[in-house]
């Protein structure tokens, strides 16, 4: 089993939750992407497949429901072989 760890960079005092968009393929399809929420980094995606490309983006959401713009999209291909963990770093705007 492979794991993909998405490290979300923000200030240490932020009071947000993270909305992580994940889709298979080199282009993030926002309408069909799977949406995850996380109270803090890192965010771990389990059960990813070898040789598959995944695309990610992140947004911050306040307790009042305000959302940031979506981050830049980052894509990564899961390697085939003995790797068990792959890191992706996303920066909020």
Protein backbone atom coordinates (compact mmCIF):
# COMPACT_ATOMS: atom_id res chain seq x y z
CA UNK A 1 0.00 0.00 0.00
CA UNK A 2 1.26 3.46 -0.88
CA UNK A 3 0.62 6.69 1.00
CA UNK A 4 0.73 10.22 -0.32
CA UNK A 5 1.46 12.91 2.26
CA UNK A 6 0.29 16.42 1.36
CA UNK A 7 2.17 18.97 3.49
CA UNK A 8 0.20 22.20 3.80
CA UNK A 9 2.24 25.29 4.58
CA UNK A 10 0.66 28.16 6.47
CA UNK A 11 1.48 30.26 9.48
CA UNK A 12 1.68 28.44 12.81
CA UNK A 13 -1.09 30.49 14.42
CA UNK A 14 -3.77 30.05 11.73
CA UNK A 15 -7.26 29.08 12.84
CA UNK A 16 -8.50 27.53 9.65
CA UNK A 17 -9.40 24.16 8.37
CA UNK A 18 -7.97 22.92 5.11
CA UNK A 19 -10.04 21.76 2.16
CA UNK A 20 -7.96 19.49 -0.05
CA UNK A 21 -9.06 18.71 -3.60
CA UNK A 22 -7.68 15.48 -5.09
CA UNK A 23 -8.23 14.00 -8.53
CA UNK A 24 -6.56 11.39 -10.68
CA UNK A 25 -4.79 12.68 -13.77
CA UNK A 26 -2.47 15.56 -14.63
CA UNK A 27 -5.27 18.14 -14.53
CA UNK A 28 -7.35 18.92 -11.44
CA UNK A 29 -11.04 18.70 -12.31
CA UNK A 30 -12.57 20.84 -9.57
CA UNK A 31 -16.12 19.65 -10.23
CA UNK A 32 -15.29 15.93 -9.87
CA UNK A 33 -12.35 16.11 -7.44
CA UNK A 34 -12.67 14.33 -4.13
CA UNK A 35 -12.80 16.88 -1.30
CA UNK A 36 -11.21 16.19 2.05
CA UNK A 37 -11.01 18.39 5.13
CA UNK A 38 -8.20 18.47 7.64
CA UNK A 39 -7.81 20.54 10.81
CA UNK A 40 -4.02 20.68 10.43
CA UNK A 41 -1.17 19.44 8.26
CA UNK A 42 0.01 17.04 7.12
CA UNK A 43 -2.86 15.50 5.19
CA UNK A 44 -2.33 11.84 4.24
CA UNK A 45 -3.98 10.15 1.27
CA UNK A 46 -3.99 6.39 1.71
CA UNK A 47 -4.57 3.74 -0.95
CA UNK A 48 -2.98 5.48 -3.90
CA UNK A 49 -1.93 3.38 -6.87
CA UNK A 50 1.51 2.91 -8.39
CA UNK A 51 2.06 4.71 -11.69
CA UNK A 52 -1.01 6.90 -11.25
CA UNK A 53 -0.86 10.70 -11.51
CA UNK A 54 -2.69 12.65 -8.79
CA UNK A 55 -3.41 16.38 -8.80
CA UNK A 56 -3.96 18.45 -5.66
CA UNK A 57 -5.00 21.90 -4.57
CA UNK A 58 -5.93 23.36 -1.21
CA UNK A 59 -8.17 26.11 0.15
CA UNK A 60 -8.44 27.49 3.66
CA UNK A 61 -11.82 27.89 5.32
CA UNK A 62 -12.50 29.97 8.43
CA UNK A 63 -14.88 29.04 11.21
CA UNK A 64 -17.31 31.57 9.65
CA UNK A 65 -17.26 29.76 6.31
CA UNK A 66 -15.08 32.20 4.37
CA UNK A 67 -12.80 30.46 1.86
CA UNK A 68 -9.51 31.48 0.33
CA UNK A 69 -8.73 31.22 -3.34
CA UNK A 70 -7.59 27.82 -4.45
CA UNK A 71 -3.83 27.24 -4.35
CA UNK A 72 -1.84 26.41 -7.42
CA UNK A 73 -2.37 22.85 -8.58
CA UNK A 74 0.40 20.37 -7.92
CA UNK A 75 0.54 17.03 -9.73
CA UNK A 76 2.65 14.01 -8.88
CA UNK A 77 3.00 10.54 -10.35
CA UNK A 78 3.25 7.78 -7.80
CA UNK A 79 6.41 5.83 -8.57
CA UNK A 80 6.41 2.15 -9.40
CA UNK A 81 8.60 0.14 -7.11
CA UNK A 82 9.67 0.18 -3.49
CA UNK A 83 8.56 3.68 -2.51
CA UNK A 84 6.01 3.79 0.27
CA UNK A 85 5.59 7.52 0.84
CA UNK A 86 5.53 10.51 -1.51
CA UNK A 87 5.37 14.12 -0.31
CA UNK A 88 3.57 17.00 -2.05
CA UNK A 89 3.95 20.55 -0.73
CA UNK A 90 1.18 23.06 -1.34
CA UNK A 91 1.36 26.71 -0.42
CA UNK A 92 -1.74 28.76 0.26
CA UNK A 93 -2.00 32.09 -1.56
